[in-house]
Amino acid sequence: MNIDQAMIIFDTLSQETRLKAFRLLVKAGPEGLAAGAIGNSLDIAHNTLSFHLSHLLSSGIVTSHRQGRSVIYSANFEVMIGLIEFLVKNFCSPEFAILRADGLDGCSIIELFDC
């Protein structure tokens, strides 16, 4: 991830409704949620929700697919992980936080140090 991509994501998530929708999608996991379920949870109108979901989609932080008559939205965990890695590598001093690979399963681990 580069700074331009990060800025697009930050701009997208800087709006309250989009941030709340993204939080719902992260909590829903890879299965995602139908647009109607997101709208019901956030108590917002369909046209307002569509506007915000299109911003999330265009930033790449959310994906969608059709399932029957519904559109299912999911958090794009690869992009989210890329953003977190970008932040740790570029904005954290090694005295406070480092990113390292876990030798057992290949996951990245963020170590935060108490100062």
Protein backbone atom coordinates (compact mmCIF):
# COMPACT_ATOMS: atom_id res chain seq x y z
CA MET A 1 0.00 0.00 0.00
CA ASN A 2 1.20 3.51 -0.70
CA ILE A 3 0.27 6.86 0.82
CA ASP A 4 -2.21 7.71 -1.97
CA GLN A 5 -4.16 4.49 -1.39
CA ALA A 6 -4.11 5.07 2.38
CA MET A 7 -5.42 8.61 1.95
CA ILE A 8 -8.37 7.35 -0.13
CA ILE A 9 -9.27 4.84 2.58
CA PHE A 10 -8.90 7.41 5.37
CA ASP A 11 -11.05 9.85 3.42
CA THR A 12 -13.71 7.18 2.95
CA LEU A 13 -13.72 6.12 6.59
CA SER A 14 -13.72 9.70 7.90
CA GLN A 15 -17.51 9.85 7.48
CA GLU A 16 -19.53 8.46 10.41
CA THR A 17 -22.05 6.34 8.47
CA ARG A 18 -19.32 4.73 6.36
CA LEU A 19 -17.20 4.02 9.43
CA LYS A 20 -20.20 2.41 11.18
CA ALA A 21 -21.01 0.32 8.10
CA PHE A 22 -17.39 -0.80 7.81
CA ARG A 23 -17.35 -1.76 11.50
CA LEU A 24 -20.47 -3.90 10.96
CA LEU A 25 -18.83 -5.61 8.00
CA VAL A 26 -15.62 -6.31 9.90
CA LYS A 27 -17.65 -7.84 12.74
CA ALA A 28 -19.66 -9.91 10.23
CA GLY A 29 -16.46 -11.51 8.95
CA PRO A 30 -15.83 -12.86 5.46
CA GLU A 31 -19.48 -13.91 5.04
CA GLY A 32 -20.49 -10.24 4.98
CA LEU A 33 -23.98 -8.80 5.19
CA ALA A 34 -26.79 -8.07 2.78
CA ALA A 35 -27.38 -4.39 2.07
CA GLY A 36 -30.78 -4.60 3.77
CA ALA A 37 -29.25 -5.94 6.97
CA ILE A 38 -26.70 -3.11 6.99
CA GLY A 39 -29.46 -0.55 6.45
CA ASN A 40 -31.59 -2.05 9.21
CA SER A 41 -28.67 -2.14 11.65
CA LEU A 42 -27.74 1.48 10.94
CA ASP A 43 -31.37 2.62 10.58
CA ILE A 44 -30.70 4.51 7.35
CA ALA A 45 -32.64 4.80 4.11
CA HIS A 46 -31.78 2.60 1.14
CA ASN A 47 -30.64 5.47 -1.11
CA THR A 48 -28.41 6.91 1.64
CA LEU A 49 -26.93 3.48 2.28
CA SER A 50 -26.25 2.94 -1.44
CA PHE A 51 -24.36 6.24 -1.58
CA HIS A 52 -22.13 5.27 1.35
CA LEU A 53 -21.58 1.67 0.20
CA SER A 54 -20.46 2.92 -3.21
CA HIS A 55 -17.79 5.03 -1.49
CA LEU A 56 -16.62 2.02 0.51
CA LEU A 57 -16.50 -0.08 -2.64
CA SER A 58 -14.60 2.50 -4.67
CA SER A 59 -11.95 2.84 -1.96
CA GLY A 60 -11.37 -0.93 -2.06
CA ILE A 61 -11.95 -1.45 1.66
CA VAL A 62 -15.22 -3.31 0.90
CA THR A 63 -16.18 -5.87 -1.74
CA SER A 64 -19.59 -7.05 -2.92
CA HIS A 65 -21.16 -9.98 -4.73
CA ARG A 66 -24.65 -11.03 -5.70
CA GLN A 67 -26.37 -13.83 -3.86
CA GLY A 68 -29.76 -14.42 -5.40
CA ARG A 69 -31.62 -11.12 -5.28
CA SER A 70 -29.38 -9.67 -2.56
CA VAL A 71 -26.07 -7.87 -2.77
CA ILE A 72 -23.70 -9.06 -0.06
CA TYR A 73 -21.04 -6.65 1.17
CA SER A 74 -17.88 -7.77 2.95
CA ALA A 75 -14.91 -6.04 4.49
CA ASN A 76 -11.83 -6.47 2.30
CA PHE A 77 -9.52 -7.89 4.95
CA GLU A 78 -6.50 -7.93 2.61
CA VAL A 79 -6.80 -4.17 2.10
CA MET A 80 -7.44 -3.60 5.82
CA ILE A 81 -4.34 -5.61 6.74
CA GLY A 82 -2.34 -3.71 4.12
CA LEU A 83 -3.44 -0.41 5.67
CA ILE A 84 -2.49 -1.54 9.17
CA GLU A 85 0.91 -2.78 7.95
CA PHE A 86 1.44 0.52 6.12
CA LEU A 87 0.69 2.47 9.30
CA VAL A 88 2.96 0.38 11.51
CA LYS A 89 5.87 0.40 9.03
CA ASN A 90 5.64 4.09 8.13
CA PHE A 91 4.27 5.85 11.18
CA CYS A 92 5.48 3.93 14.21
CA SER A 93 8.89 4.21 15.76
CA PRO A 94 10.51 0.80 16.35
CA GLU A 95 10.71 1.66 20.05
CA PHE A 96 6.92 1.71 20.22
CA ALA A 97 5.68 -0.84 17.66
CA ILE A 98 7.08 -3.40 15.25
CA LEU A 99 5.61 -5.74 12.68
CA ARG A 100 7.02 -9.26 12.52
CA ALA A 101 6.10 -12.57 10.93
CA ASP A 102 4.93 -15.43 13.12
CA GLY A 103 7.08 -18.45 12.32
CA LEU A 104 4.32 -20.95 13.06
CA ASP A 105 1.51 -19.87 10.75
CA GLY A 106 2.99 -17.02 8.68
CA CYS A 107 0.74 -14.38 10.19
CA SER A 108 1.95 -10.87 10.82
CA ILE A 109 2.15 -9.82 14.45
CA ILE A 110 2.15 -6.24 15.65
CA GLU A 111 4.08 -5.84 18.87
CA LEU A 112 3.23 -2.71 20.86
CA PHE A 113 5.65 -1.70 23.58
CA ASP A 114 4.54 -0.01 26.79
CA CYS A 115 6.64 3.06 27.33
